[in-house]
N, C-alpha and C. Protein backbone atom coordinates (compact mmCIF):
# COMPACT_ATOMS: atom_id res chain seq x y z
N UNK A 1 9.10 -9.13 7.35
CA UNK A 1 8.65 -7.86 6.85
C UNK A 1 9.20 -6.77 7.75
N UNK A 2 9.49 -5.62 7.17
CA UNK A 2 10.03 -4.52 7.94
C UNK A 2 9.35 -3.21 7.57
N UNK A 3 9.03 -2.42 8.59
CA UNK A 3 8.61 -1.04 8.36
C UNK A 3 9.53 -0.16 9.18
N UNK A 4 9.72 1.05 8.70
CA UNK A 4 10.51 2.03 9.43
C UNK A 4 9.64 3.25 9.68
N UNK A 5 9.78 3.83 10.86
CA UNK A 5 9.05 5.05 11.17
C UNK A 5 10.03 6.04 11.78
N UNK A 6 9.70 7.32 11.64
CA UNK A 6 10.44 8.37 12.31
C UNK A 6 9.53 9.57 12.48
N UNK A 7 9.94 10.46 13.34
CA UNK A 7 9.19 11.68 13.57
C UNK A 7 9.98 12.80 12.89
N UNK A 8 9.32 13.56 12.06
CA UNK A 8 9.99 14.64 11.33
C UNK A 8 9.15 15.90 11.40
N UNK A 9 9.78 17.01 11.16
CA UNK A 9 9.09 18.29 11.05
C UNK A 9 8.86 18.54 9.56
N UNK A 10 7.61 18.75 9.20
CA UNK A 10 7.30 18.97 7.79
C UNK A 10 6.54 20.28 7.63
N UNK A 11 6.62 20.82 6.43
CA UNK A 11 5.83 22.00 6.08
C UNK A 11 4.89 21.55 4.97
N UNK A 12 3.62 21.26 5.31
CA UNK A 12 2.69 20.76 4.31
C UNK A 12 2.22 21.86 3.36
N UNK A 13 1.85 21.43 2.15
CA UNK A 13 1.23 22.33 1.19
C UNK A 13 -0.04 21.66 0.70
N UNK A 14 -0.78 22.32 -0.16
CA UNK A 14 -2.01 21.74 -0.68
C UNK A 14 -1.78 20.47 -1.48
N UNK A 15 -0.59 20.34 -2.09
CA UNK A 15 -0.28 19.18 -2.92
C UNK A 15 0.53 18.12 -2.20
N UNK A 16 0.84 18.33 -0.96
CA UNK A 16 1.64 17.36 -0.23
C UNK A 16 2.63 18.05 0.67
N UNK A 17 3.84 17.50 0.76
CA UNK A 17 4.85 18.03 1.65
C UNK A 17 5.85 18.84 0.83
N UNK A 18 6.08 20.10 1.22
CA UNK A 18 7.04 20.93 0.49
C UNK A 18 8.43 20.86 1.10
N UNK A 19 8.52 20.56 2.38
CA UNK A 19 9.81 20.55 3.06
C UNK A 19 9.74 19.53 4.19
N UNK A 20 10.75 18.68 4.26
CA UNK A 20 10.83 17.71 5.36
C UNK A 20 12.19 17.86 6.00
N UNK A 21 12.19 18.12 7.28
CA UNK A 21 13.45 18.26 8.01
C UNK A 21 13.66 17.07 8.91
N UNK A 22 14.93 16.70 9.05
CA UNK A 22 15.24 15.56 9.91
C UNK A 22 14.99 15.92 11.37
N UNK A 23 14.98 14.91 12.17
CA UNK A 23 14.70 15.04 13.59
C UNK A 23 15.96 15.53 14.30
N UNK A 24 15.98 16.80 14.66
CA UNK A 24 17.14 17.33 15.36
C UNK A 24 16.89 17.51 16.85
N UNK A 25 15.67 17.31 17.28
CA UNK A 25 15.34 17.50 18.68
C UNK A 25 15.22 16.19 19.46
N UNK A 26 15.55 15.08 18.85
CA UNK A 26 15.43 13.79 19.53
C UNK A 26 14.01 13.25 19.56
N UNK A 27 13.15 13.76 18.68
CA UNK A 27 11.75 13.31 18.67
C UNK A 27 11.64 11.83 18.36
N UNK A 28 12.41 11.35 17.37
CA UNK A 28 12.31 9.93 16.99
C UNK A 28 12.77 9.05 18.14
N UNK A 29 13.85 9.44 18.79
CA UNK A 29 14.34 8.63 19.91
C UNK A 29 13.35 8.64 21.06
N UNK A 30 12.74 9.79 21.33
CA UNK A 30 11.73 9.85 22.38
C UNK A 30 10.52 8.99 22.03
N UNK A 31 10.13 9.00 20.75
CA UNK A 31 9.01 8.16 20.32
C UNK A 31 9.38 6.68 20.44
N UNK A 32 10.64 6.33 20.13
CA UNK A 32 11.10 4.94 20.28
C UNK A 32 10.99 4.50 21.73
N UNK A 33 11.36 5.38 22.65
CA UNK A 33 11.22 5.05 24.08
C UNK A 33 9.76 4.84 24.43
N UNK A 34 8.88 5.68 23.87
CA UNK A 34 7.44 5.58 24.11
C UNK A 34 6.92 4.23 23.61
N UNK A 35 7.36 3.83 22.40
CA UNK A 35 6.93 2.55 21.83
C UNK A 35 7.45 1.39 22.66
N UNK A 36 8.71 1.48 23.10
CA UNK A 36 9.31 0.39 23.87
C UNK A 36 8.58 0.16 25.19
N UNK A 37 8.01 1.21 25.74
CA UNK A 37 7.28 1.08 27.00
C UNK A 37 5.90 0.46 26.84
N UNK A 38 5.39 0.41 25.61
CA UNK A 38 4.07 -0.16 25.37
C UNK A 38 4.20 -1.67 25.25
N UNK A 39 3.61 -2.38 26.19
CA UNK A 39 3.77 -3.85 26.23
C UNK A 39 3.09 -4.55 25.06
N UNK A 40 1.98 -4.01 24.58
CA UNK A 40 1.28 -4.66 23.46
C UNK A 40 2.14 -4.68 22.21
N UNK A 41 2.75 -3.57 21.86
CA UNK A 41 3.56 -3.51 20.65
C UNK A 41 4.90 -4.18 20.84
N UNK A 42 5.44 -4.11 22.05
CA UNK A 42 6.74 -4.73 22.32
C UNK A 42 6.74 -6.22 22.09
N UNK A 43 5.59 -6.88 22.27
CA UNK A 43 5.50 -8.32 22.02
C UNK A 43 5.30 -8.65 20.55
N UNK A 44 4.91 -7.65 19.74
CA UNK A 44 4.56 -7.90 18.34
C UNK A 44 5.71 -7.75 17.37
N UNK A 45 6.76 -7.04 17.76
CA UNK A 45 7.82 -6.77 16.79
C UNK A 45 9.15 -6.56 17.50
N UNK A 46 10.21 -6.75 16.75
CA UNK A 46 11.54 -6.45 17.22
C UNK A 46 11.89 -5.05 16.74
N UNK A 47 12.23 -4.16 17.67
CA UNK A 47 12.52 -2.78 17.32
C UNK A 47 14.03 -2.56 17.28
N UNK A 48 14.47 -1.87 16.26
CA UNK A 48 15.89 -1.54 16.12
C UNK A 48 15.99 -0.04 15.87
N UNK A 49 16.88 0.62 16.57
CA UNK A 49 17.07 2.05 16.40
C UNK A 49 18.16 2.27 15.36
N UNK A 50 17.86 3.05 14.34
CA UNK A 50 18.79 3.26 13.23
C UNK A 50 19.38 4.66 13.34
N UNK A 51 20.68 4.73 13.51
CA UNK A 51 21.38 6.02 13.61
C UNK A 51 22.09 6.34 12.30
N UNK A 52 22.36 7.61 12.12
CA UNK A 52 23.07 8.06 10.93
C UNK A 52 24.55 7.75 11.09
N UNK A 53 25.13 7.14 10.07
CA UNK A 53 26.56 6.85 10.12
C UNK A 53 27.35 8.12 9.83
N UNK A 54 28.39 8.41 10.61
CA UNK A 54 29.19 9.61 10.35
C UNK A 54 29.93 9.49 9.02
N UNK A 55 30.01 10.57 8.29
CA UNK A 55 30.62 10.55 6.95
C UNK A 55 32.14 10.44 7.02
N UNK A 56 32.76 10.95 8.07
CA UNK A 56 34.23 10.99 8.12
C UNK A 56 34.83 9.84 8.93
N UNK A 57 34.02 8.90 9.37
CA UNK A 57 34.52 7.76 10.12
C UNK A 57 34.67 8.01 11.60
N UNK A 58 34.47 9.25 12.03
CA UNK A 58 34.59 9.56 13.45
C UNK A 58 33.34 9.14 14.20
N UNK A 59 33.43 9.04 15.50
CA UNK A 59 32.26 8.72 16.30
C UNK A 59 31.31 9.91 16.24
N UNK A 60 30.04 9.62 16.27
CA UNK A 60 29.06 10.68 16.12
C UNK A 60 27.95 10.52 17.14
N UNK A 61 27.42 11.63 17.57
CA UNK A 61 26.25 11.59 18.45
C UNK A 61 25.02 12.03 17.67
N UNK A 62 25.06 11.87 16.34
CA UNK A 62 23.93 12.26 15.51
C UNK A 62 22.67 11.59 16.00
N UNK A 63 21.54 12.23 15.77
CA UNK A 63 20.28 11.66 16.25
C UNK A 63 19.90 10.38 15.50
N UNK A 64 19.04 9.65 16.12
CA UNK A 64 18.49 8.46 15.49
C UNK A 64 17.52 8.93 14.41
N UNK A 65 17.62 8.40 13.21
CA UNK A 65 16.77 8.84 12.11
C UNK A 65 15.55 7.96 11.91
N UNK A 66 15.64 6.69 12.21
CA UNK A 66 14.52 5.78 11.96
C UNK A 66 14.37 4.80 13.11
N UNK A 67 13.17 4.30 13.28
CA UNK A 67 12.91 3.15 14.14
C UNK A 67 12.51 2.04 13.17
N UNK A 68 13.22 0.95 13.19
CA UNK A 68 12.95 -0.15 12.27
C UNK A 68 12.27 -1.28 13.04
N UNK A 69 11.15 -1.75 12.52
CA UNK A 69 10.42 -2.86 13.12
C UNK A 69 10.59 -4.07 12.23
N UNK A 70 11.13 -5.17 12.78
CA UNK A 70 11.46 -6.36 12.00
C UNK A 70 10.24 -7.19 11.63
N UNK A 71 9.13 -6.96 12.28
CA UNK A 71 7.93 -7.73 11.99
C UNK A 71 6.78 -6.75 12.03
N UNK A 72 5.96 -6.77 11.00
CA UNK A 72 4.91 -5.75 10.96
C UNK A 72 3.66 -6.28 10.29
N UNK A 73 2.55 -5.67 10.62
CA UNK A 73 1.28 -5.99 9.99
C UNK A 73 0.44 -4.72 10.01
N UNK A 74 -0.69 -4.76 9.37
CA UNK A 74 -1.57 -3.61 9.39
C UNK A 74 -2.02 -3.26 10.79
N UNK A 75 -2.34 -4.28 11.58
CA UNK A 75 -2.78 -3.99 12.95
C UNK A 75 -1.64 -3.43 13.78
N UNK A 76 -0.41 -3.88 13.52
CA UNK A 76 0.75 -3.34 14.22
C UNK A 76 0.92 -1.87 13.88
N UNK A 77 0.81 -1.53 12.58
CA UNK A 77 0.94 -0.14 12.16
C UNK A 77 -0.15 0.72 12.80
N UNK A 78 -1.36 0.19 12.88
CA UNK A 78 -2.44 0.91 13.55
C UNK A 78 -2.08 1.19 15.00
N UNK A 79 -1.46 0.22 15.68
CA UNK A 79 -1.01 0.41 17.05
C UNK A 79 0.07 1.48 17.17
N UNK A 80 1.02 1.48 16.23
CA UNK A 80 2.08 2.49 16.24
C UNK A 80 1.48 3.88 16.05
N UNK A 81 0.53 4.00 15.13
CA UNK A 81 -0.11 5.29 14.90
C UNK A 81 -0.92 5.71 16.12
N UNK A 82 -1.55 4.74 16.78
CA UNK A 82 -2.26 5.06 18.02
C UNK A 82 -1.33 5.60 19.08
N UNK A 83 -0.12 5.03 19.19
CA UNK A 83 0.86 5.55 20.14
C UNK A 83 1.35 6.94 19.72
N UNK A 84 1.46 7.17 18.41
CA UNK A 84 1.85 8.49 17.92
C UNK A 84 0.82 9.55 18.35
N UNK A 85 -0.46 9.19 18.28
CA UNK A 85 -1.52 10.11 18.71
C UNK A 85 -1.34 10.47 20.18
N UNK A 86 -0.95 9.49 21.00
CA UNK A 86 -0.73 9.74 22.42
C UNK A 86 0.57 10.51 22.66
N UNK A 87 1.59 10.27 21.82
CA UNK A 87 2.90 10.89 21.99
C UNK A 87 2.93 12.35 21.53
N UNK A 88 2.25 12.66 20.44
CA UNK A 88 2.35 13.99 19.83
C UNK A 88 2.08 15.14 20.81
N UNK A 89 1.08 15.04 21.71
CA UNK A 89 0.87 16.14 22.66
C UNK A 89 2.04 16.38 23.62
N UNK A 90 2.97 15.41 23.72
CA UNK A 90 4.13 15.58 24.58
C UNK A 90 5.18 16.50 23.94
N UNK A 91 5.04 16.79 22.65
CA UNK A 91 5.97 17.69 21.97
C UNK A 91 5.67 19.13 22.38
N UNK A 92 6.64 20.01 22.24
CA UNK A 92 6.37 21.43 22.53
C UNK A 92 5.19 21.93 21.70
N UNK A 93 4.34 22.74 22.30
CA UNK A 93 3.10 23.19 21.68
C UNK A 93 3.33 23.78 20.28
N UNK A 94 4.34 24.61 20.10
CA UNK A 94 4.55 25.25 18.80
C UNK A 94 5.04 24.27 17.73
N UNK A 95 5.52 23.09 18.15
CA UNK A 95 6.04 22.11 17.20
C UNK A 95 5.00 21.07 16.78
N UNK A 96 3.93 20.93 17.52
CA UNK A 96 2.94 19.87 17.25
C UNK A 96 2.36 19.94 15.86
N UNK A 97 2.09 21.13 15.37
CA UNK A 97 1.43 21.28 14.07
C UNK A 97 2.29 20.80 12.90
N UNK A 98 3.62 20.88 13.05
CA UNK A 98 4.49 20.49 11.94
C UNK A 98 5.08 19.10 12.12
N UNK A 99 4.88 18.47 13.27
CA UNK A 99 5.43 17.13 13.51
C UNK A 99 4.56 16.08 12.83
N UNK A 100 5.19 15.18 12.10
CA UNK A 100 4.49 14.10 11.41
C UNK A 100 5.22 12.79 11.67
N UNK A 101 4.46 11.72 11.66
CA UNK A 101 5.04 10.39 11.71
C UNK A 101 5.28 9.97 10.26
N UNK A 102 6.51 9.61 9.94
CA UNK A 102 6.88 9.18 8.59
C UNK A 102 7.00 7.67 8.63
N UNK A 103 6.27 6.98 7.73
CA UNK A 103 6.28 5.51 7.67
C UNK A 103 6.87 5.11 6.33
N UNK A 104 7.81 4.15 6.35
CA UNK A 104 8.45 3.70 5.12
C UNK A 104 8.44 2.18 5.08
N UNK A 105 8.10 1.65 3.91
CA UNK A 105 8.12 0.20 3.69
C UNK A 105 8.30 -0.05 2.21
N UNK A 106 9.25 -0.90 1.86
CA UNK A 106 9.45 -1.28 0.46
C UNK A 106 9.69 -0.11 -0.47
N UNK A 107 10.39 0.90 -0.02
CA UNK A 107 10.69 2.04 -0.87
C UNK A 107 9.58 3.08 -0.95
N UNK A 108 8.46 2.84 -0.30
CA UNK A 108 7.36 3.81 -0.28
C UNK A 108 7.37 4.54 1.05
N UNK A 109 7.12 5.86 0.99
CA UNK A 109 7.13 6.68 2.20
C UNK A 109 5.81 7.43 2.31
N UNK A 110 5.25 7.42 3.52
CA UNK A 110 3.98 8.09 3.78
C UNK A 110 4.08 8.94 5.03
N UNK A 111 3.39 10.07 5.00
CA UNK A 111 3.32 10.96 6.15
C UNK A 111 1.95 10.79 6.78
N UNK A 112 1.94 10.55 8.07
CA UNK A 112 0.68 10.40 8.79
C UNK A 112 0.25 11.80 9.22
N UNK A 113 -0.84 12.27 8.64
CA UNK A 113 -1.31 13.62 8.90
C UNK A 113 -2.50 13.67 9.84
N UNK A 114 -3.46 12.77 9.64
CA UNK A 114 -4.72 12.86 10.37
C UNK A 114 -4.73 12.09 11.68
N UNK A 115 -3.89 11.09 11.80
CA UNK A 115 -3.76 10.26 13.00
C UNK A 115 -5.06 9.58 13.41
N UNK A 116 -5.89 9.24 12.45
CA UNK A 116 -7.11 8.51 12.76
C UNK A 116 -6.91 7.04 12.42
N UNK A 117 -7.80 6.20 12.89
CA UNK A 117 -7.71 4.79 12.56
C UNK A 117 -7.87 4.59 11.05
N UNK A 118 -8.73 5.38 10.43
CA UNK A 118 -8.91 5.29 8.98
C UNK A 118 -7.63 5.65 8.24
N UNK A 119 -6.92 6.66 8.75
CA UNK A 119 -5.64 7.06 8.16
C UNK A 119 -4.64 5.92 8.27
N UNK A 120 -4.61 5.26 9.42
CA UNK A 120 -3.70 4.13 9.62
C UNK A 120 -4.04 2.99 8.67
N UNK A 121 -5.31 2.70 8.51
CA UNK A 121 -5.73 1.62 7.61
C UNK A 121 -5.37 1.96 6.17
N UNK A 122 -5.59 3.23 5.77
CA UNK A 122 -5.25 3.66 4.40
C UNK A 122 -3.76 3.47 4.14
N UNK A 123 -2.92 3.93 5.07
CA UNK A 123 -1.48 3.80 4.90
C UNK A 123 -1.07 2.32 4.89
N UNK A 124 -1.64 1.51 5.77
CA UNK A 124 -1.31 0.08 5.81
C UNK A 124 -1.68 -0.58 4.49
N UNK A 125 -2.81 -0.22 3.91
CA UNK A 125 -3.20 -0.78 2.59
C UNK A 125 -2.24 -0.33 1.50
N UNK A 126 -1.89 0.96 1.51
CA UNK A 126 -0.98 1.47 0.48
C UNK A 126 0.40 0.86 0.60
N UNK A 127 0.80 0.50 1.81
CA UNK A 127 2.09 -0.15 2.01
C UNK A 127 2.04 -1.66 1.75
N UNK A 128 0.84 -2.18 1.50
CA UNK A 128 0.69 -3.61 1.24
C UNK A 128 0.65 -4.45 2.50
N UNK A 129 0.42 -3.83 3.66
CA UNK A 129 0.37 -4.57 4.92
C UNK A 129 -1.02 -5.09 5.22
N UNK A 130 -2.03 -4.59 4.53
CA UNK A 130 -3.41 -5.06 4.64
C UNK A 130 -3.96 -5.25 3.23
N UNK A 131 -4.90 -6.17 3.04
CA UNK A 131 -5.48 -6.31 1.71
C UNK A 131 -6.29 -5.06 1.34
N UNK A 132 -6.34 -4.77 0.04
CA UNK A 132 -7.15 -3.64 -0.41
C UNK A 132 -8.62 -4.00 -0.27
N UNK A 133 -9.49 -3.02 -0.35
CA UNK A 133 -10.92 -3.27 -0.22
C UNK A 133 -11.40 -4.21 -1.32
N UNK A 134 -10.85 -4.11 -2.52
CA UNK A 134 -11.25 -5.02 -3.61
C UNK A 134 -10.92 -6.46 -3.26
N UNK A 135 -9.81 -6.68 -2.60
CA UNK A 135 -9.42 -8.05 -2.23
C UNK A 135 -10.32 -8.61 -1.14
N UNK A 136 -10.95 -7.74 -0.37
CA UNK A 136 -11.81 -8.20 0.70
C UNK A 136 -13.23 -8.50 0.23
N UNK A 137 -13.57 -8.04 -0.98
CA UNK A 137 -14.92 -8.22 -1.48
C UNK A 137 -15.12 -9.68 -1.88
N UNK A 138 -16.14 -10.36 -1.33
CA UNK A 138 -16.35 -11.77 -1.68
C UNK A 138 -16.62 -11.92 -3.17
N UNK A 139 -16.04 -12.97 -3.74
CA UNK A 139 -16.30 -13.28 -5.15
C UNK A 139 -15.44 -12.52 -6.13
N UNK A 140 -14.58 -11.65 -5.65
CA UNK A 140 -13.70 -10.90 -6.55
C UNK A 140 -12.27 -11.26 -6.26
N UNK A 141 -11.50 -11.43 -7.29
CA UNK A 141 -10.07 -11.65 -7.12
C UNK A 141 -9.32 -10.35 -7.13
N UNK A 142 -8.07 -10.36 -6.75
CA UNK A 142 -7.28 -9.12 -6.78
C UNK A 142 -7.17 -8.61 -8.21
N UNK A 143 -7.17 -7.31 -8.37
CA UNK A 143 -7.08 -6.70 -9.71
C UNK A 143 -5.67 -6.72 -10.20
């Protein structure tokens, strides 16, 4: 199983995200370093840094766009979001409000807005990394 995460600057609206900008300040790479230093998560998954391929074939120093985790679970995602909560205050003060953790799995993309454990569980369920509440109810099969 694989999940990808990155740090992006977003402009939220009442209906969701109106604008998402790529990481031009090295936020994703800095967050990758933060994750790599955490021993609990480092033992749980293989991390790969995904860079943008240059369009003209030349060498590029473009920023890293995604962090790809080769093994993932709901509890792993909760740990990543917990590290994001610790990492976000390290960003420049004026940037913190627009910085979001973007999580992608199986073609679905989610923005972590609240950074709570409940938010992590909700996203993990929506990504299919944890069973839904209906599946956890004794005596009921999946819908």
